[in-house]
C-alpha atoms as a PDB file:
ATOM      1  CA  MET A   1      -2.046 -82.511  96.897  1.00  0.00           C
ATOM      2  CA  ILE A   2       0.762 -84.818  95.662  1.00  0.00           C
ATOM      3  CA  ILE A   3       2.815 -83.689  92.660  1.00  0.00           C
ATOM      4  CA  ASP A   4       4.901 -86.224  90.790  1.00  0.00           C
ATOM      5  CA  SER A   5       8.534 -85.288  90.440  1.00  0.00           C
ATOM      6  CA  ARG A   6       8.675 -86.841  86.984  1.00  0.00           C
ATOM      7  CA  SER A   7       5.861 -84.648  85.720  1.00  0.00           C
ATOM      8  CA  MET A   8       7.641 -81.577  87.128  1.00  0.00           C
ATOM      9  CA  GLU A   9      10.858 -82.496  85.340  1.00  0.00           C
ATOM     10  CA  SER A  10       9.028 -83.115  82.054  1.00  0.00           C
ATOM     11  CA  ALA A  11       7.287 -79.711  82.328  1.00  0.00           C
ATOM     12  CA  GLU A  12      10.599 -77.959  82.916  1.00  0.00           C
ATOM     13  CA  GLU A  13      12.138 -79.793  79.949  1.00  0.00           C
ATOM     14  CA  ASP A  14       9.198 -78.738  77.729  1.00  0.00           C
ATOM     15  CA  ALA A  15       9.591 -75.107  78.842  1.00  0.00           C
ATOM     16  CA  GLN A  16      13.306 -75.192  78.085  1.00  0.00           C
ATOM     17  CA  LEU A  17      12.660 -76.763  74.694  1.00  0.00           C
ATOM     18  CA  GLY A  18      10.031 -74.112  73.962  1.00  0.00           C
ATOM     19  CA  GLN A  19      12.463 -71.299  74.819  1.00  0.00           C
ATOM     20  CA  GLU A  20      15.188 -72.904  72.688  1.00  0.00           C
ATOM     21  CA  SER A  21      12.771 -73.298  69.783  1.00  0.00           C
ATOM     22  CA  GLU A  22      11.715 -69.659  70.076  1.00  0.00           C
ATOM     23  CA  GLU A  23      15.352 -68.567  70.011  1.00  0.00           C
ATOM     24  CA  GLU A  24      16.071 -70.836  67.076  1.00  0.00           C
ATOM     25  CA  TYR A  25      13.134 -69.678  64.980  1.00  0.00           C
ATOM     26  CA  SER A  26      13.308 -65.983  65.871  1.00  0.00           C
ATOM     27  CA  ASP A  27      15.790 -65.265  63.082  1.00  0.00           C
ATOM     28  CA  LEU A  28      14.155 -67.499  60.459  1.00  0.00           C
ATOM     29  CA  SER A  29      12.393 -66.231  57.380  1.00  0.00           C
ATOM     30  CA  ASP A  30       8.699 -66.693  56.601  1.00  0.00           C
ATOM     31  CA  ASN A  31       9.289 -69.666  54.266  1.00  0.00           C
ATOM     32  CA  GLU A  32      11.400 -71.460  56.848  1.00  0.00           C
ATOM     33  CA  LEU A  33       8.782 -70.851  59.523  1.00  0.00           C
ATOM     34  CA  GLN A  34       6.058 -72.246  57.255  1.00  0.00           C
ATOM     35  CA  GLU A  35       8.133 -75.379  56.590  1.00  0.00           C
ATOM     36  CA  ALA A  36       8.799 -75.829  60.308  1.00  0.00           C
ATOM     37  CA  PHE A  37       5.059 -75.433  61.049  1.00  0.00           C
ATOM     38  CA  ALA A  38       4.249 -78.050  58.373  1.00  0.00           C
ATOM     39  CA  GLN A  39       6.724 -80.477  59.927  1.00  0.00           C
ATOM     40  CA  GLY A  40       5.120 -79.983  63.354  1.00  0.00           C
ATOM     41  CA  LEU A  41       8.100 -78.343  64.942  1.00  0.00           C
ATOM     42  CA  LEU A  42       6.074 -75.208  65.834  1.00  0.00           C
ATOM     43  CA  LYS A  43       3.182 -75.369  68.252  1.00  0.00           C
ATOM     44  CA  PRO A  44       0.059 -73.261  67.643  1.00  0.00           C
ATOM     45  CA  GLY A  45      -0.269 -70.214  69.865  1.00  0.00           C
ATOM     46  CA  MET A  46       3.414 -70.062  70.704  1.00  0.00           C
ATOM     47  CA  ASN A  47       3.954 -66.534  69.363  1.00  0.00           C
ATOM     48  CA  VAL A  48       0.681 -64.964  70.622  1.00  0.00           C
ATOM     49  CA  LEU A  49       1.092 -62.250  73.255  1.00  0.00           C
ATOM     50  CA  VAL A  50      -1.465 -62.369  76.006  1.00  0.00           C
ATOM     51  CA  ASP A  51      -1.997 -59.206  78.125  1.00  0.00           C
ATOM     52  CA  GLU A  52      -2.409 -59.940  81.762  1.00  0.00           C
ATOM     53  CA  SER A  53      -5.205 -58.119  83.513  1.00  0.00           C
ATOM     54  CA  LYS A  54      -3.977 -55.343  85.783  1.00  0.00           C
ATOM     55  CA  LYS A  55      -4.912 -55.677  89.401  1.00  0.00           C
ATOM     56  CA  PHE A  56      -6.071 -52.458  91.068  1.00  0.00           C
ATOM     57  CA  VAL A  57      -5.439 -52.339  94.776  1.00  0.00           C
ATOM     58  CA  ASN A  58      -6.988 -49.625  96.964  1.00  0.00           C
ATOM     59  CA  ASN A  59      -4.677 -49.724  99.945  1.00  0.00           C
ATOM     60  CA  VAL A  60      -6.375 -47.140 102.149  1.00  0.00           C
ATOM     61  CA  GLU A  61      -4.283 -47.818 105.193  1.00  0.00           C
ATOM     62  CA  GLY A  62      -1.034 -47.513 103.266  1.00  0.00           C
ATOM     63  CA  LEU A  63      -2.122 -44.177 101.770  1.00  0.00           C
ATOM     64  CA  LYS A  64      -3.088 -42.813 105.170  1.00  0.00           C
ATOM     65  CA  SER A  65       0.278 -43.833 106.593  1.00  0.00           C
ATOM     66  CA  CYS A  66       2.094 -42.080 103.736  1.00  0.00           C
ATOM     67  CA  LEU A  67      -0.025 -38.963 104.306  1.00  0.00           C
ATOM     68  CA  ALA A  68       0.806 -39.042 108.009  1.00  0.00           C
ATOM     69  CA  ASP A  69       4.515 -39.192 107.132  1.00  0.00           C
ATOM     70  CA  PHE A  70       4.132 -36.126 104.936  1.00  0.00           C
ATOM     71  CA  ARG A  71       2.381 -34.130 107.608  1.00  0.00           C
ATOM     72  CA  LYS A  72       4.755 -32.466 109.977  1.00  0.00           C
ATOM     73  CA  ASP A  73       3.918 -29.992 112.710  1.00  0.00           C
ATOM     74  CA  LEU A  74       6.119 -27.118 111.459  1.00  0.00           C
ATOM     75  CA  PRO A  75       5.706 -23.395 112.193  1.00  0.00           C
ATOM     76  CA  TRP A  76       4.268 -21.120 109.517  1.00  0.00           C
ATOM     77  CA  VAL A  77       7.632 -19.448 108.914  1.00  0.00           C
ATOM     78  CA  GLU A  78       8.993 -22.765 107.674  1.00  0.00           C
ATOM     79  CA  ARG A  79       5.928 -23.521 105.549  1.00  0.00           C
ATOM     80  CA  LEU A  80       4.884 -20.066 104.190  1.00  0.00           C
ATOM     81  CA  ASP A  81       1.606 -21.502 102.881  1.00  0.00           C
ATOM     82  CA  LEU A  82      -1.631 -19.554 102.587  1.00  0.00           C
ATOM     83  CA  THR A  83      -5.029 -20.461 101.204  1.00  0.00           C
ATOM     84  CA  ASN A  84      -7.193 -17.449 100.413  1.00  0.00           C
ATOM     85  CA  LEU A  85     -10.306 -16.496  98.574  1.00  0.00           C
ATOM     86  CA  PRO A  86     -10.017 -13.511  96.203  1.00  0.00           C
ATOM     87  CA  VAL A  87     -10.658 -10.022  97.493  1.00  0.00           C
ATOM     88  CA  GLU A  88     -13.904  -8.264  96.731  1.00  0.00           C
ATOM     89  CA  ASP A  89     -14.344  -6.931  93.236  1.00  0.00           C
ATOM     90  CA  VAL A  90     -14.785  -3.192  93.703  1.00  0.00           C
ATOM     91  CA  LEU A  91     -16.369  -2.579  90.317  1.00  0.00           C
ATOM     92  CA  THR A  92     -19.051  -5.236  90.736  1.00  0.00           C
ATOM     93  CA  LYS A  93     -19.664  -4.018  94.288  1.00  0.00           C
ATOM     94  CA  VAL A  94     -20.197  -0.434  93.086  1.00  0.00           C
ATOM     95  CA  GLU A  95     -22.458  -1.584  90.264  1.00  0.00           C
ATOM     96  CA  GLY A  96     -24.449  -3.692  92.713  1.00  0.00           C
ATOM     97  CA  LYS A  97     -23.708  -6.985  90.992  1.00  0.00           C
ATOM     98  CA  LEU A  98     -22.787 -10.209  92.743  1.00  0.00           C
ATOM     99  CA  PRO A  99     -19.232 -11.319  91.837  1.00  0.00           C
ATOM    100  CA  ASN A 100     -18.743 -14.657  90.135  1.00  0.00           C
ATOM    101  CA  SER A 101     -16.404 -15.897  92.874  1.00  0.00           C
ATOM    102  CA  ALA A 102     -19.212 -15.558  95.416  1.00  0.00           C
ATOM    103  CA  ASN A 103     -21.462 -17.635  93.179  1.00  0.00           C
ATOM    104  CA  GLY A 104     -18.660 -20.115  92.644  1.00  0.00           C
ATOM    105  CA  ASP A 105     -19.058 -19.622  88.903  1.00  0.00           C
ATOM    106  CA  VAL A 106     -15.739 -18.827  87.157  1.00  0.00           C
ATOM    107  CA  ASN A 107     -15.519 -19.538  83.439  1.00  0.00           C
ATOM    108  CA  ALA A 108     -12.121 -21.179  82.868  1.00  0.00           C
ATOM    109  CA  ASP A 109     -12.303 -20.526  79.126  1.00  0.00           C
ATOM    110  CA  ASP A 110     -12.677 -16.763  79.639  1.00  0.00           C
ATOM    111  CA  ASP A 111      -9.062 -15.521  79.808  1.00  0.00           C
ATOM    112  CA  PHE A 112      -9.880 -12.106  81.252  1.00  0.00           C
ATOM    113  CA  GLN A 113     -12.180 -13.473  83.960  1.00  0.00           C
ATOM    114  CA  ARG A 114      -9.719 -16.210  84.914  1.00  0.00           C
ATOM    115  CA  GLU A 115      -6.721 -13.867  85.110  1.00  0.00           C
ATOM    116  CA  MET A 116      -8.698 -11.328  87.184  1.00  0.00           C
ATOM    117  CA  PHE A 117      -9.642 -14.097  89.607  1.00  0.00           C
ATOM    118  CA  PHE A 118      -5.951 -15.034  90.019  1.00  0.00           C
ATOM    119  CA  TYR A 119      -5.010 -11.363  90.436  1.00  0.00           C
ATOM    120  CA  ARG A 120      -7.552 -10.737  93.191  1.00  0.00           C
ATOM    121  CA  GLN A 121      -6.566 -13.962  94.921  1.00  0.00           C
ATOM    122  CA  ALA A 122      -2.904 -12.834  94.891  1.00  0.00           C
ATOM    123  CA  GLN A 123      -3.998  -9.495  96.357  1.00  0.00           C
ATOM    124  CA  ALA A 124      -5.744 -11.260  99.240  1.00  0.00           C
ATOM    125  CA  THR A 125      -2.668 -13.402  99.884  1.00  0.00           C
ATOM    126  CA  VAL A 126      -0.389 -10.345  99.995  1.00  0.00           C
ATOM    127  CA  LEU A 127      -2.702  -8.525 102.404  1.00  0.00           C
ATOM    128  CA  GLU A 128      -2.635 -11.477 104.782  1.00  0.00           C
ATOM    129  CA  ALA A 129       1.052 -12.417 104.381  1.00  0.00           C
ATOM    130  CA  LEU A 130       2.621  -8.968 104.946  1.00  0.00           C
ATOM    131  CA  PRO A 131       1.430  -8.616 108.585  1.00  0.00           C
ATOM    132  CA  LEU A 132       2.573 -12.173 109.367  1.00  0.00           C
ATOM    133  CA  LEU A 133       6.016 -11.529 107.876  1.00  0.00           C
ATOM    134  CA  ASN A 134       6.384  -8.273 109.829  1.00  0.00           C
ATOM    135  CA  LYS A 135       5.275 -10.095 112.983  1.00  0.00           C
ATOM    136  CA  HIS A 136       8.071 -12.667 112.543  1.00  0.00           C
ATOM    137  CA  SER A 137      10.625  -9.906 111.727  1.00  0.00           C
ATOM    138  CA  ILE A 138      11.117 -11.047 108.135  1.00  0.00           C
ATOM    139  CA  PRO A 139      12.113  -8.141 105.846  1.00  0.00           C
ATOM    140  CA  THR A 140       9.928  -7.622 102.821  1.00  0.00           C
ATOM    141  CA  LYS A 141      11.849  -4.743 101.162  1.00  0.00           C
ATOM    142  CA  ARG A 142      15.343  -4.554  99.761  1.00  0.00           C
ATOM    143  CA  PRO A 143      17.840  -2.389 101.642  1.00  0.00           C
ATOM    144  CA  ASP A 144      19.162   0.770  99.993  1.00  0.00           C
ATOM    145  CA  ASP A 145      22.692  -0.671  99.609  1.00  0.00           C
ATOM    146  CA  TYR A 146      21.462  -3.965  98.162  1.00  0.00           C
ATOM    147  CA  PHE A 147      23.884  -5.335  95.558  1.00  0.00           C
ATOM    148  CA  ALA A 148      22.510  -7.850  93.063  1.00  0.00           C
ATOM    149  CA  GLU A 149      25.148  -9.671  91.042  1.00  0.00           C
ATOM    150  CA  MET A 150      24.353 -10.316  87.405  1.00  0.00           C
ATOM    151  CA  ALA A 151      23.539 -13.907  86.619  1.00  0.00           C
ATOM    152  CA  LYS A 152      25.139 -13.535  83.159  1.00  0.00           C
ATOM    153  CA  SER A 153      28.811 -12.764  82.563  1.00  0.00           C
ATOM    154  CA  ASP A 154      30.147  -9.718  80.733  1.00  0.00           C
ATOM    155  CA  GLN A 155      31.255 -11.866  77.811  1.00  0.00           C
ATOM    156  CA  HIS A 156      27.736 -13.172  77.374  1.00  0.00           C
ATOM    157  CA  MET A 157      26.324  -9.640  77.481  1.00  0.00           C
ATOM    158  CA  GLN A 158      28.900  -8.521  74.877  1.00  0.00           C
ATOM    159  CA  LYS A 159      27.753 -11.321  72.591  1.00  0.00           C
ATOM    160  CA  ILE A 160      24.152 -10.191  73.042  1.00  0.00           C
ATOM    161  CA  ARG A 161      25.170  -6.586  72.284  1.00  0.00           C
ATOM    162  CA  LYS A 162      26.997  -7.628  69.100  1.00  0.00           C
ATOM    163  CA  LYS A 163      23.995  -9.637  68.008  1.00  0.00           C
ATOM    164  CA  LEU A 164      21.664  -6.690  68.577  1.00  0.00           C
ATOM    165  CA  ILE A 165      24.001  -4.377  66.635  1.00  0.00           C
ATOM    166  CA  SER A 166      24.180  -6.862  63.756  1.00  0.00           C
ATOM    167  CA  LYS A 167      20.374  -7.072  63.678  1.00  0.00           C
ATOM    168  CA  GLN A 168      20.141  -3.280  63.621  1.00  0.00           C
ATOM    169  CA  MET A 169      22.660  -3.084  60.756  1.00  0.00           C
ATOM    170  CA  ILE A 170      20.706  -5.705  58.810  1.00  0.00           C
ATOM    171  CA  LEU A 171      17.533  -3.669  59.282  1.00  0.00           C
ATOM    172  CA  GLU A 172      19.293  -0.481  58.126  1.00  0.00           C
ATOM    173  CA  LYS A 173      20.685  -2.256  55.060  1.00  0.00           C
ATOM    174  CA  SER A 174      17.249  -3.598  54.195  1.00  0.00           C
ATOM    175  CA  GLU A 175      15.767  -0.089  54.545  1.00  0.00           C
ATOM    176  CA  LYS A 176      18.486   1.360  52.274  1.00  0.00           C
ATOM    177  CA  ALA A 177      17.926  -1.382  49.713  1.00  0.00           C
ATOM    178  CA  LYS A 178      14.188  -0.694  49.844  1.00  0.00           C
ATOM    179  CA  LYS A 179      14.752   3.033  49.225  1.00  0.00           C
ATOM    180  CA  LEU A 180      17.119   2.275  46.341  1.00  0.00           C
ATOM    181  CA  ARG A 181      14.544  -0.026  44.781  1.00  0.00           C
ATOM    182  CA  GLU A 182      11.903   2.689  45.078  1.00  0.00           C
ATOM    183  CA  GLN A 183      14.256   5.256  43.508  1.00  0.00           C
ATOM    184  CA  ARG A 184      15.058   2.880  40.658  1.00  0.00           C
ATOM    185  CA  LYS A 185      11.364   2.264  40.087  1.00  0.00           C
ATOM    186  CA  PHE A 186      10.727   6.030  40.036  1.00  0.00           C
ATOM    187  CA  GLY A 187      13.682   6.594  37.676  1.00  0.00           C
ATOM    188  CA  LYS A 188      12.449   3.871  35.330  1.00  0.00           C
ATOM    189  CA  LYS A 189       8.973   5.392  35.426  1.00  0.00           C
ATOM    190  CA  VAL A 190      10.315   8.838  34.483  1.00  0.00           C
ATOM    191  CA  GLN A 191      12.486   7.320  31.748  1.00  0.00           C
ATOM    192  CA  ILE A 192       9.518   5.443  30.312  1.00  0.00           C
ATOM    193  CA  GLU A 193       7.439   8.632  30.350  1.00  0.00           C
ATOM    194  CA  VAL A 194      10.193  10.553  28.513  1.00  0.00           C
ATOM    195  CA  ILE A 195      10.536   7.796  25.898  1.00  0.00           C
ATOM    196  CA  GLN A 196       6.768   7.699  25.390  1.00  0.00           C
ATOM    197  CA  LYS A 197       6.700  11.494  24.989  1.00  0.00           C
ATOM    198  CA  ARG A 198       9.472  11.364  22.391  1.00  0.00           C
ATOM    199  CA  GLN A 199       7.724   8.591  20.493  1.00  0.00           C
ATOM    200  CA  LYS A 200       4.493  10.570  20.540  1.00  0.00           C
ATOM    201  CA  GLU A 201       6.232  13.709  19.228  1.00  0.00           C
ATOM    202  CA  LYS A 202       8.016  11.678  16.546  1.00  0.00           C
ATOM    203  CA  LYS A 203       4.739  10.093  15.477  1.00  0.00           C
ATOM    204  CA  ALA A 204       3.032  13.502  15.288  1.00  0.00           C
ATOM    205  CA  MET A 205       5.946  14.926  13.268  1.00  0.00           C
ATOM    206  CA  MET A 206       5.917  11.995  10.819  1.00  0.00           C
ATOM    207  CA  SER A 207       2.180  12.393  10.288  1.00  0.00           C
ATOM    208  CA  ALA A 208       2.651  16.146   9.665  1.00  0.00           C
ATOM    209  CA  VAL A 209       5.427  15.418   7.129  1.00  0.00           C
ATOM    210  CA  LYS A 210       3.208  12.942   5.300  1.00  0.00           C
ATOM    211  CA  LYS A 211       0.402  15.500   5.163  1.00  0.00           C
ATOM    212  CA  TYR A 212       2.815  18.090   3.748  1.00  0.00           C
ATOM    213  CA  GLN A 213       4.128  15.638   1.149  1.00  0.00           C
ATOM    214  CA  LYS A 214       0.608  14.797   0.005  1.00  0.00           C
ATOM    215  CA  GLY A 215      -0.277  18.486  -0.249  1.00  0.00           C
ATOM    216  CA  MET A 216      -2.848  18.393   2.490  1.00  0.00           C
ATOM    217  CA  THR A 217      -1.193  21.325   4.259  1.00  0.00           C
ATOM    218  CA  ASP A 218       1.298  24.056   3.368  1.00  0.00           C
ATOM    219  CA  LYS A 219       2.489  24.894   6.876  1.00  0.00           C
ATOM    220  CA  LEU A 220       5.979  23.991   8.064  1.00  0.00           C
ATOM    221  CA  ASP A 221       5.447  24.596  11.753  1.00  0.00           C
ATOM    222  CA  PHE A 222       6.342  20.983  12.566  1.00  0.00           C
ATOM    223  CA  LEU A 223       9.968  21.669  11.585  1.00  0.00           C
ATOM    224  CA  GLU A 224      10.374  24.152  14.409  1.00  0.00           C
ATOM    225  CA  GLY A 225       9.535  21.535  17.083  1.00  0.00           C
ATOM    226  CA  ASP A 226      10.233  22.826  20.534  1.00  0.00           C
ATOM    227  CA  GLN A 227      11.799  26.046  19.232  1.00  0.00           C
ATOM    228  CA  LYS A 228       8.571  27.958  19.830  1.00  0.00           C
ATOM    229  CA  SER A 229       8.663  27.396  23.529  1.00  0.00           C
ATOM    230  CA  GLY A 230      12.410  28.127  23.486  1.00  0.00           C
ATOM    231  CA  LYS A 231      11.798  31.362  21.579  1.00  0.00           C
ATOM    232  CA  ASP A 232       9.102  32.447  23.993  1.00  0.00           C
ATOM    233  CA  SER A 233      11.366  31.831  26.956  1.00  0.00           C
ATOM    234  CA  SER A 234      14.316  33.556  25.253  1.00  0.00           C
ATOM    235  CA  GLN A 235      12.147  36.564  24.354  1.00  0.00           C
ATOM    236  CA  GLY A 236      10.997  36.825  27.934  1.00  0.00           C
ATOM    237  CA  SER A 237      14.611  36.681  29.165  1.00  0.00           C
ATOM    238  CA  LYS A 238      15.670  39.318  26.595  1.00  0.00           C
ATOM    239  CA  LYS A 239      12.876  41.630  27.685  1.00  0.00           C
ATOM    240  CA  ALA A 240      13.923  41.233  31.282  1.00  0.00           C
ATOM    241  CA  ALA A 241      17.552  41.931  30.333  1.00  0.00           C
ATOM    242  CA  ASN A 242      16.546  45.056  28.373  1.00  0.00           C
ATOM    243  CA  LYS A 243      14.659  46.339  31.354  1.00  0.00           C
ATOM    244  CA  LYS A 244      17.732  45.935  33.509  1.00  0.00           C
ATOM    245  CA  GLY A 245      20.033  47.606  30.942  1.00  0.00           C
ATOM    246  CA  PRO A 246      23.198  46.449  29.100  1.00  0.00           C
ATOM    247  CA  ASN A 247      25.901  44.633  30.997  1.00  0.00           C
ATOM    248  CA  ALA A 248      29.579  45.589  31.240  1.00  0.00           C
ATOM    249  CA  LYS A 249      30.610  43.482  28.227  1.00  0.00           C
ATOM    250  CA  ARG A 250      28.026  45.106  25.990  1.00  0.00           C
ATOM    251  CA  LYS A 251      29.092  48.586  27.130  1.00  0.00           C
ATOM    252  CA  TYR A 252      32.753  47.853  26.339  1.00  0.00           C
ATOM    253  CA  LYS A 253      31.939  46.613  22.834  1.00  0.00           C
ATOM    254  CA  ASP A 254      29.708  49.613  22.182  1.00  0.00           C
ATOM    255  CA  GLN A 255      32.516  51.914  23.244  1.00  0.00           C
ATOM    256  CA  LYS A 256      35.046  50.086  21.050  1.00  0.00           C
ATOM    257  CA  PHE A 257      33.051  49.363  17.875  1.00  0.00           C
ATOM    258  CA  GLY A 258      30.210  51.852  18.087  1.00  0.00           C
ATOM    259  CA  PHE A 259      26.489  51.280  18.031  1.00  0.00           C
ATOM    260  CA  GLY A 260      26.042  50.249  14.393  1.00  0.00           C
ATOM    261  CA  GLY A 261      24.066  52.219  11.814  1.00  0.00           C
ATOM    262  CA  LYS A 262      25.724  55.018   9.776  1.00  0.00           C
ATOM    263  CA  LYS A 263      29.518  55.085  10.041  1.00  0.00           C
ATOM    264  CA  SER A 264      31.705  58.149  10.550  1.00  0.00           C
ATOM    265  CA  GLY A 265      32.803  58.238   6.866  1.00  0.00           C
ATOM    266  CA  LYS A 266      36.488  58.864   7.489  1.00  0.00           C
ATOM    267  CA  LYS A 267      37.566  56.684   4.532  1.00  0.00           C
ATOM    268  CA  TRP A 268      35.049  58.019   2.082  1.00  0.00           C
ATOM    269  CA  ASN A 269      36.264  60.130  -0.919  1.00  0.00           C
ATOM    270  CA  THR A 270      35.359  63.781  -1.189  1.00  0.00           C
ATOM    271  CA  LYS A 271      35.595  66.289  -4.075  1.00  0.00           C
ATOM    272  CA  GLU A 272      38.910  67.643  -2.814  1.00  0.00           C
ATOM    273  CA  SER A 273      40.442  64.199  -2.245  1.00  0.00           C
ATOM    274  CA  TYR A 274      39.301  63.058  -5.682  1.00  0.00           C
ATOM    275  CA  ASN A 275      40.889  66.026  -7.469  1.00  0.00           C
ATOM    276  CA  ASP A 276      44.110  65.920  -5.396  1.00  0.00           C
ATOM    277  CA  VAL A 277      46.708  63.916  -7.406  1.00  0.00           C
ATOM    278  CA  SER A 278      49.834  65.158  -5.639  1.00  0.00           C
ATOM    279  CA  SER A 279      50.496  61.810  -4.028  1.00  0.00           C
ATOM    280  CA  PHE A 280      50.158  59.858  -7.292  1.00  0.00           C
ATOM    281  CA  ARG A 281      53.325  58.004  -8.487  1.00  0.00           C
ATOM    282  CA  ALA A 282      53.254  56.516 -11.948  1.00  0.00           C
ATOM    283  CA  LYS A 283      56.104  54.069 -11.367  1.00  0.00           C
ATOM    284  CA  VAL A 284      54.387  52.661  -8.320  1.00  0.00           C
ATOM    285  CA  ALA A 285      50.965  52.601  -9.935  1.00  0.00           C
ATOM    286  CA  HIS A 286      52.134  50.887 -13.162  1.00  0.00           C
ATOM    287  CA  ALA A 287      54.884  48.753 -11.524  1.00  0.00           C
ATOM    288  CA  LYS A 288      57.717  50.473 -13.434  1.00  0.00           C
ATOM    289  CA  GLY A 289      60.031  50.487 -10.464  1.00  0.00           C
ATOM    290  CA  ASN A 290      62.138  47.611  -9.030  1.00  0.00           C
ATOM    291  CA  LYS A 291      59.179  46.144  -7.225  1.00  0.00           C
ATOM    292  CA  GLY A 292      58.152  44.099 -10.241  1.00  0.00           C
ATOM    293  CA  GLY A 293      60.997  41.610  -9.805  1.00  0.00           C
ATOM    294  CA  LYS A 294      64.235  40.967 -11.674  1.00  0.00           C
ATOM    295  CA  LYS A 295      64.204  41.718 -15.373  1.00  0.00           C
ATOM    296  CA  GLY A 296      66.647  40.717 -18.020  1.00  0.00           C
ATOM    297  CA  LYS A 297      67.641  42.377 -21.285  1.00  0.00           C
ATOM    298  CA  GLY A 298      64.894  44.140 -23.161  1.00  0.00           C
ATOM    299  CA  GLY A 299      62.990  44.909 -19.991  1.00  0.00           C
ATOM    300  CA  LYS A 300      61.364  41.467 -19.848  1.00  0.00           C
ATOM    301  CA  GLN A 301      61.096  39.552 -16.642  1.00  0.00           C
ATOM    302  CA  ASN A 302      63.096  36.322 -16.441  1.00  0.00           C
ATOM    303  CA  LYS A 303      60.857  33.281 -16.313  1.00  0.00           C
ATOM    304  CA  ARG A 304      61.756  30.024 -14.612  1.00  0.00           C
ATOM    305  CA  PRO A 305      62.477  27.207 -17.080  1.00  0.00           C
ATOM    306  CA  GLY A 306      60.220  24.209 -17.154  1.00  0.00           C
ATOM    307  CA  LYS A 307      60.692  20.971 -15.340  1.00  0.00           C
ATOM    308  CA  SER A 308      62.073  18.973 -18.269  1.00  0.00           C
ATOM    309  CA  VAL A 309      64.509  21.773 -19.083  1.00  0.00           C
ATOM    310  CA  ARG A 310      65.731  21.843 -15.522  1.00  0.00           C
ATOM    311  CA  ARG A 311      66.322  18.074 -15.645  1.00  0.00           C
ATOM    312  CA  LYS A 312      68.411  18.419 -18.863  1.00  0.00           C
ATOM    313  CA  MET A 313      70.408  21.206 -17.273  1.00  0.00           C
ATOM    314  CA  LYS A 314      71.145  18.983 -14.283  1.00  0.00           C
ATOM    315  CA  GLY A 315      72.208  16.160 -16.602  1.00  0.00           C
ATOM    316  CA  ARG A 316      74.621  18.380 -18.427  1.00  0.00           C
ATOM    317  CA  SER A 317      76.284  19.471 -15.240  1.00  0.00           C
END
């Protein structure tokens, strides 16, 4: 097949021009692109993306060679791989049922059945691996003096401790706040009950007063209020006190002032005291002595001059 060199050059030039045109018109607006398409500068189908069909190649020989490279004849100690079926299910064996693993029927959506299958498979692996490890002198238990260093530093653990303490304090504060809210609610409830009780008593008292004013009743028991209950309680306390006897204060007052009732009569007049006039003094009785104050001439008592007279006397002096 003969290819003309001129045609090759023209094809390359067209490709270059197409790339340049794409770069030129990539940043243009829609109006500018429409004008360029009308002028024939744009070719139809230039901006359409065409997906190339993917070619699937099944290179069997290449895969087998890669698998052969992976396979190496290493001892089991280097590989530590085991493929086991799960151990027998004791419960199903006792009940006489055939286990699901023997049937090959394991429901992957059943979490309990799936996890039990994994657990019994791990048991079978352990039972087979332990003898092999002991055979190759590989220890399977930690020594008594085994020292395991912490993966986290002390500073990190201190941060965790502080965070836990802060969380605990936040919980305690929230509990205290909750208790306080409950106490406030209870206190408000009691306060509301007391206010309602007072309003009820006030309403009952006002209705009783209105009835008394209208002459519907002649009783004044509503004026006593809660004194009845107070009287009953005070009477009960007095009775209890009387049963016990008077206290020390009452005994002292009784000894000092007596017990009341009829007095001794020491200051009362008798027939002899009434007729005895030996202690009578006329001057004292009729104020004829010097006790009556200063007297001037004629036996009259000097009186203080009035206010106006006193002012005139001061003016004269």
